[in-house]
Amino acid sequence: MAVEPARVQHLNALNIGDASKASGVSAKMIRHYESIGLIPAARRTDAGYRLYTDDDIHTLQFIRNARDLGFSIAQIDTLLQLWQDRGRPSADVKALAMGHIRELDDKIHALQAMRDTLENLASHCHGDHRPDCPILAGLADRRH
């Protein structure tokens, strides 16, 4: 009995659960990425189930790696376009990465300032049975 060509293609594809396991991206996020156009719509079986190829898994892993580095969805969209364009200048990729590094530095400085403020407030709190609490007083301060 001959196997129809469409069925052969399905044998090499993964359903969304297996694609999720293989890529490290949750099925919910895969659906989301598809809905916002970050990834193309998946092929479907006759029953409507999504099918993912090795190339799709590789793209999802790329997205996961970019997310792990804190890139925004918009930045990832640009990175995907650059990744898929074999003729792109590496300067474009570097410029995007350097811009993201500046954003991360800004966030690091803001987090460090928050930590320093909280550490200062906590160091003045006795942490005992007394109701006086510089932490709460600092949070209630209208100047912040």
Protein backbone atom coordinates (compact mmCIF):
# COMPACT_ATOMS: atom_id res chain seq x y z
CA MET A 1 0.00 0.00 0.00
CA ALA A 2 1.45 3.35 -1.03
CA VAL A 3 1.71 6.17 1.49
CA GLU A 4 0.38 9.44 0.16
CA PRO A 5 2.99 12.26 0.00
CA ALA A 6 1.08 14.52 2.42
CA ARG A 7 1.20 11.76 5.05
CA VAL A 8 4.95 11.34 4.63
CA GLN A 9 5.42 15.04 5.41
CA HIS A 10 3.41 14.59 8.62
CA LEU A 11 5.72 11.79 9.76
CA ASN A 12 8.66 14.23 9.91
CA ALA A 13 6.73 16.94 11.75
CA LEU A 14 6.03 17.39 15.46
CA ASN A 15 2.79 18.35 17.13
CA ILE A 16 2.77 21.44 19.35
CA GLY A 17 3.45 19.48 22.56
CA ASP A 18 6.51 17.79 21.10
CA ALA A 19 7.65 21.05 19.50
CA SER A 20 7.35 22.68 22.91
CA LYS A 21 9.53 20.00 24.53
CA ALA A 22 12.07 20.11 21.71
CA SER A 23 12.37 23.91 21.67
CA GLY A 24 11.92 24.80 25.33
CA VAL A 25 9.07 27.18 24.42
CA SER A 26 5.67 26.52 25.97
CA ALA A 27 2.78 25.60 23.69
CA LYS A 28 0.98 28.72 24.88
CA MET A 29 3.90 30.92 23.81
CA ILE A 30 4.20 29.12 20.47
CA ARG A 31 0.53 29.93 19.81
CA HIS A 32 1.13 33.52 20.94
CA TYR A 33 4.16 33.95 18.69
CA GLU A 34 2.10 32.67 15.80
CA SER A 35 -0.83 34.99 16.62
CA ILE A 36 1.39 38.08 16.64
CA GLY A 37 3.20 37.06 13.47
CA LEU A 38 6.60 36.46 15.07
CA ILE A 39 6.56 33.00 13.51
CA PRO A 40 4.57 31.96 10.46
CA ALA A 41 1.36 30.01 10.90
CA ALA A 42 2.10 26.33 11.35
CA ARG A 43 1.07 23.77 8.82
CA ARG A 44 -2.01 21.87 9.93
CA THR A 45 -3.22 18.31 9.72
CA ASP A 46 -6.61 17.56 8.22
CA ALA A 47 -7.88 17.54 11.81
CA GLY A 48 -6.45 21.03 12.41
CA TYR A 49 -3.47 20.10 14.58
CA ARG A 50 -0.37 22.25 14.18
CA LEU A 51 2.74 20.62 12.73
CA TYR A 52 6.31 21.82 13.23
CA THR A 53 9.43 20.96 11.26
CA ASP A 54 13.05 20.92 12.39
CA ASP A 55 13.42 24.42 10.94
CA ASP A 56 10.44 25.59 13.02
CA ILE A 57 12.02 24.09 16.16
CA HIS A 58 15.31 25.84 15.36
CA THR A 59 13.46 29.16 15.01
CA LEU A 60 11.67 28.61 18.33
CA GLN A 61 15.01 27.84 20.00
CA PHE A 62 16.42 31.06 18.52
CA ILE A 63 13.48 32.98 19.99
CA ARG A 64 13.89 31.27 23.37
CA ASN A 65 17.60 32.11 23.45
CA ALA A 66 16.87 35.74 22.55
CA ARG A 67 14.17 35.93 25.25
CA ASP A 68 16.62 34.45 27.77
CA LEU A 69 18.92 37.39 26.97
CA GLY A 70 16.07 39.82 27.62
CA PHE A 71 15.40 40.97 24.07
CA SER A 72 11.91 42.37 23.51
CA ILE A 73 9.50 40.83 21.02
CA ALA A 74 10.14 43.73 18.62
CA GLN A 75 13.90 43.22 18.92
CA ILE A 76 13.49 39.48 18.40
CA ASP A 77 11.46 40.13 15.27
CA THR A 78 14.34 42.24 13.94
CA LEU A 79 16.89 39.61 15.00
CA LEU A 80 14.89 36.91 13.21
CA GLN A 81 14.85 38.98 10.04
CA LEU A 82 18.59 39.54 10.29
CA TRP A 83 19.21 35.84 11.04
CA GLN A 84 17.19 34.77 8.02
CA ASP A 85 18.92 37.30 5.73
CA ARG A 86 22.24 35.64 4.93
CA GLY A 87 23.42 38.84 3.24
CA ARG A 88 22.89 41.09 6.26
CA PRO A 89 25.75 43.23 7.50
CA SER A 90 26.92 42.07 10.91
CA ALA A 91 27.07 45.75 11.89
CA ASP A 92 23.26 45.76 12.02
CA VAL A 93 23.24 42.83 14.41
CA LYS A 94 25.95 44.37 16.58
CA ALA A 95 24.14 47.72 16.72
CA LEU A 96 20.98 45.99 17.96
CA ALA A 97 22.96 44.03 20.56
CA MET A 98 24.80 47.14 21.76
CA GLY A 99 21.50 49.02 22.11
CA HIS A 100 20.16 46.15 24.20
CA ILE A 101 23.28 46.21 26.36
CA ARG A 102 22.64 49.92 27.07
CA GLU A 103 19.04 49.08 28.03
CA LEU A 104 20.29 46.33 30.35
CA ASP A 105 22.82 48.71 31.93
CA ASP A 106 20.01 51.20 32.61
CA LYS A 107 17.91 48.45 34.23
CA ILE A 108 20.89 47.27 36.29
CA HIS A 109 21.48 50.80 37.59
CA ALA A 110 17.79 51.23 38.43
CA LEU A 111 17.70 47.87 40.23
CA GLN A 112 20.89 48.70 42.13
CA ALA A 113 19.37 52.01 43.28
CA MET A 114 16.23 50.20 44.46
CA ARG A 115 18.34 47.64 46.29
CA ASP A 116 20.46 50.34 47.95
CA THR A 117 17.36 52.23 49.12
CA LEU A 118 15.73 49.10 50.50
CA GLU A 119 18.94 47.97 52.16
CA ASN A 120 19.26 51.38 53.83
CA LEU A 121 15.67 51.24 55.08
CA ALA A 122 16.10 47.65 56.31
CA SER A 123 19.33 48.50 58.14
CA HIS A 124 17.41 51.10 60.18
CA CYS A 125 14.62 48.70 61.09
CA HIS A 126 15.06 47.02 64.46
CA GLY A 127 13.07 43.98 63.35
CA ASP A 128 11.74 43.37 66.85
CA HIS A 129 8.41 43.70 68.70
CA ARG A 130 8.33 47.52 68.39
CA PRO A 131 5.86 48.96 65.86
CA ASP A 132 8.35 51.55 64.57
CA CYS A 133 9.41 50.53 61.07
CA PRO A 134 11.59 52.72 58.84
CA ILE A 135 10.77 50.44 55.89
CA LEU A 136 7.06 51.27 56.09
CA ALA A 137 7.84 54.92 56.83
CA GLY A 138 10.08 55.07 53.76
CA LEU A 139 7.36 53.52 51.57
CA ALA A 140 4.83 55.99 52.93
CA ASP A 141 7.13 58.97 52.24
CA ARG A 142 5.33 61.18 49.67
CA ARG A 143 8.62 62.39 48.18
CA HIS A 144 9.13 59.05 46.35
